[in-house]
C-alpha atoms as a PDB file:
ATOM      1  CA  MET A   1       7.881 -27.923  24.725  1.00  0.00           C
ATOM      2  CA  ASN A   2       8.415 -25.086  27.838  1.00  0.00           C
ATOM      3  CA  ALA A   3       7.402 -21.959  27.766  1.00  0.00           C
ATOM      4  CA  ASP A   4      10.618 -19.934  27.279  1.00  0.00           C
ATOM      5  CA  ALA A   5      11.267 -22.412  24.456  1.00  0.00           C
ATOM      6  CA  THR A   6       7.365 -21.383  23.241  1.00  0.00           C
ATOM      7  CA  ILE A   7       8.253 -17.765  23.728  1.00  0.00           C
ATOM      8  CA  LEU A   8      11.660 -18.013  21.467  1.00  0.00           C
ATOM      9  CA  ASN A   9       9.914 -19.855  18.988  1.00  0.00           C
ATOM     10  CA  ARG A  10       7.514 -17.225  18.452  1.00  0.00           C
ATOM     11  CA  LEU A  11      10.547 -14.717  18.470  1.00  0.00           C
ATOM     12  CA  ASP A  12      12.377 -16.497  15.781  1.00  0.00           C
ATOM     13  CA  THR A  13       8.609 -16.316  13.310  1.00  0.00           C
ATOM     14  CA  MET A  14       8.425 -12.908  14.052  1.00  0.00           C
ATOM     15  CA  THR A  15      12.041 -11.774  13.353  1.00  0.00           C
ATOM     16  CA  VAL A  16      11.546 -13.480  10.230  1.00  0.00           C
ATOM     17  CA  SER A  17       8.401 -11.721   9.461  1.00  0.00           C
ATOM     18  CA  ILE A  18      10.302  -8.732  10.168  1.00  0.00           C
ATOM     19  CA  ASP A  19      13.210  -9.411   7.702  1.00  0.00           C
ATOM     20  CA  THR A  20      10.558 -10.469   5.218  1.00  0.00           C
ATOM     21  CA  LEU A  21       9.102  -6.802   5.370  1.00  0.00           C
ATOM     22  CA  GLY A  22      12.462  -5.678   5.718  1.00  0.00           C
ATOM     23  CA  ARG A  23      13.332  -7.352   2.374  1.00  0.00           C
ATOM     24  CA  GLY A  24      10.131  -6.200   1.019  1.00  0.00           C
ATOM     25  CA  LEU A  25      10.747  -2.544   1.459  1.00  0.00           C
ATOM     26  CA  ILE A  26      14.233  -2.673  -0.198  1.00  0.00           C
ATOM     27  CA  LEU A  27      12.215  -4.236  -3.385  1.00  0.00           C
ATOM     28  CA  MET A  28      10.002  -1.244  -3.317  1.00  0.00           C
ATOM     29  CA  THR A  29      13.119   1.106  -3.192  1.00  0.00           C
ATOM     30  CA  GLU A  30      15.026  -0.966  -5.954  1.00  0.00           C
ATOM     31  CA  THR A  31      11.564  -0.474  -7.787  1.00  0.00           C
ATOM     32  CA  LEU A  32      11.394   3.273  -7.134  1.00  0.00           C
ATOM     33  CA  VAL A  33      14.865   3.914  -8.491  1.00  0.00           C
ATOM     34  CA  THR A  34      14.310   1.315 -11.548  1.00  0.00           C
ATOM     35  CA  HIS A  35      10.811   3.625 -12.181  1.00  0.00           C
ATOM     36  CA  SER A  36      13.353   6.772 -12.094  1.00  0.00           C
ATOM     37  CA  GLU A  37      15.535   5.511 -14.520  1.00  0.00           C
ATOM     38  CA  ILE A  38      13.037   4.442 -16.803  1.00  0.00           C
ATOM     39  CA  LEU A  39      11.328   7.443 -16.812  1.00  0.00           C
ATOM     40  CA  GLY A  40      14.578   9.460 -17.564  1.00  0.00           C
ATOM     41  CA  GLU A  41      14.879   7.232 -20.359  1.00  0.00           C
ATOM     42  CA  ILE A  42      11.731   8.014 -21.795  1.00  0.00           C
ATOM     43  CA  LEU A  43      12.190  11.414 -21.607  1.00  0.00           C
ATOM     44  CA  GLU A  44      15.573  11.056 -23.287  1.00  0.00           C
ATOM     45  CA  ALA A  45      13.898   9.063 -26.156  1.00  0.00           C
ATOM     46  CA  CYS A  46      10.840  11.663 -26.404  1.00  0.00           C
ATOM     47  CA  SER A  47      13.530  14.412 -26.651  1.00  0.00           C
ATOM     48  CA  ALA A  48      15.211  12.498 -29.539  1.00  0.00           C
ATOM     49  CA  GLU A  49      16.018  13.816 -33.384  1.00  0.00           C
ATOM     50  CA  PRO A  50      13.199  12.808 -35.695  1.00  0.00           C
ATOM     51  CA  GLY A  51      14.121   9.541 -37.449  1.00  0.00           C
ATOM     52  CA  GLU A  52      14.617   6.302 -35.384  1.00  0.00           C
ATOM     53  CA  SER A  53      13.316   6.598 -32.011  1.00  0.00           C
ATOM     54  CA  PRO A  54      14.873   4.326 -29.037  1.00  0.00           C
ATOM     55  CA  LEU A  55      11.426   4.912 -27.550  1.00  0.00           C
ATOM     56  CA  THR A  56      10.170   1.448 -28.467  1.00  0.00           C
ATOM     57  CA  GLU A  57      12.922  -0.314 -26.640  1.00  0.00           C
ATOM     58  CA  ALA A  58      12.988   1.930 -23.855  1.00  0.00           C
ATOM     59  CA  LEU A  59       8.854   1.053 -23.942  1.00  0.00           C
ATOM     60  CA  LYS A  60       9.846  -3.101 -23.869  1.00  0.00           C
ATOM     61  CA  GLN A  61      12.435  -2.544 -21.050  1.00  0.00           C
ATOM     62  CA  ILE A  62       9.728  -1.010 -18.847  1.00  0.00           C
ATOM     63  CA  VAL A  63       7.625  -3.659 -19.870  1.00  0.00           C
ATOM     64  CA  ALA A  64       9.853  -6.520 -19.153  1.00  0.00           C
ATOM     65  CA  ALA A  65      11.095  -4.619 -15.415  1.00  0.00           C
ATOM     66  CA  ILE A  66       7.067  -4.239 -14.574  1.00  0.00           C
ATOM     67  CA  ASN A  67       6.428  -7.968 -14.846  1.00  0.00           C
ATOM     68  CA  ASP A  68       9.376  -8.480 -13.021  1.00  0.00           C
ATOM     69  CA  GLN A  69       8.313  -6.189 -10.461  1.00  0.00           C
ATOM     70  CA  ASN A  70       4.788  -7.738 -10.368  1.00  0.00           C
ATOM     71  CA  GLU A  71       5.877 -11.073  -9.705  1.00  0.00           C
ATOM     72  CA  THR A  72       7.952  -9.730  -7.101  1.00  0.00           C
ATOM     73  CA  LEU A  73       5.243  -7.933  -5.350  1.00  0.00           C
ATOM     74  CA  VAL A  74       2.854 -10.889  -5.656  1.00  0.00           C
ATOM     75  CA  GLY A  75       5.415 -13.106  -3.784  1.00  0.00           C
ATOM     76  CA  ILE A  76       5.490 -10.603  -1.080  1.00  0.00           C
ATOM     77  CA  GLY A  77       1.782 -10.013  -0.815  1.00  0.00           C
ATOM     78  CA  ALA A  78       1.616 -14.176  -0.423  1.00  0.00           C
ATOM     79  CA  THR A  79       3.914 -13.698   2.551  1.00  0.00           C
ATOM     80  CA  LEU A  80       2.324 -11.000   4.155  1.00  0.00           C
ATOM     81  CA  GLU A  81      -0.954 -12.785   3.761  1.00  0.00           C
ATOM     82  CA  ASN A  82       0.365 -15.665   5.825  1.00  0.00           C
ATOM     83  CA  ILE A  83       2.323 -13.782   8.767  1.00  0.00           C
ATOM     84  CA  GLY A  84      -0.760 -11.773   9.350  1.00  0.00           C
ATOM     85  CA  SER A  85      -2.644 -14.315  11.582  1.00  0.00           C
ATOM     86  CA  GLY A  86       0.429 -15.647  12.944  1.00  0.00           C
ATOM     87  CA  ILE A  87       1.593 -12.401  14.788  1.00  0.00           C
ATOM     88  CA  GLU A  88      -1.441 -11.662  15.535  1.00  0.00           C
ATOM     89  CA  ASP A  89      -2.190 -15.082  17.209  1.00  0.00           C
ATOM     90  CA  ALA A  90       1.665 -14.863  19.030  1.00  0.00           C
ATOM     91  CA  VAL A  91       0.712 -11.378  20.322  1.00  0.00           C
ATOM     92  CA  VAL A  92      -2.491 -12.337  21.661  1.00  0.00           C
ATOM     93  CA  ARG A  93      -0.704 -15.449  23.657  1.00  0.00           C
ATOM     94  CA  GLY A  94       1.826 -13.334  25.067  1.00  0.00           C
ATOM     95  CA  PHE A  95      -0.701 -10.999  26.098  1.00  0.00           C
ATOM     96  CA  HIS A  96      -2.261 -13.686  28.030  1.00  0.00           C
ATOM     97  CA  ARG A  97       0.976 -15.121  29.478  1.00  0.00           C
ATOM     98  CA  ALA A  98       1.861 -11.714  30.723  1.00  0.00           C
ATOM     99  CA  SER A  99      -1.090 -11.056  32.428  1.00  0.00           C
ATOM    100  CA  GLY A 100      -1.503 -14.609  33.894  1.00  0.00           C
ATOM    101  CA  THR A 101      -4.830 -15.484  32.225  1.00  0.00           C
ATOM    102  CA  VAL A 102      -3.671 -19.358  31.293  1.00  0.00           C
ATOM    103  CA  ASP A 103      -2.619 -22.043  32.656  1.00  0.00           C
ATOM    104  CA  ASP A 104       0.359 -24.185  32.928  1.00  0.00           C
ATOM    105  CA  ASP A 105      -0.245 -25.748  29.414  1.00  0.00           C
ATOM    106  CA  GLY A 106      -0.979 -22.597  27.891  1.00  0.00           C
ATOM    107  CA  VAL A 107      -5.049 -22.505  27.945  1.00  0.00           C
ATOM    108  CA  VAL A 108      -6.973 -19.183  28.529  1.00  0.00           C
ATOM    109  CA  GLN A 109      -8.580 -19.301  31.679  1.00  0.00           C
ATOM    110  CA  GLU A 110     -11.860 -17.231  31.003  1.00  0.00           C
END
């Protein structure tokens, strides 16, 4: 594989990583919106007249939402763990190529 193809491959990998991070931020924002809505429902349930309270159902919804969000965050965490070293390696290789400290095969010259 020539140097241009290698660089383009690395850029594609970095683009995927950045897109994944962006999706993670979007999911976190949606989580904050959901939490705000849930807190509003809790406050409403707490201010209900004595008698049957919708608080029990609101709490069940909270538990379900938190469980869903935890699963999503675990997936995001796994993705972040796997992209860290790849990005670092790509940056180091790019630095060495840009500074001319590699041979024609991409091996670092010490």
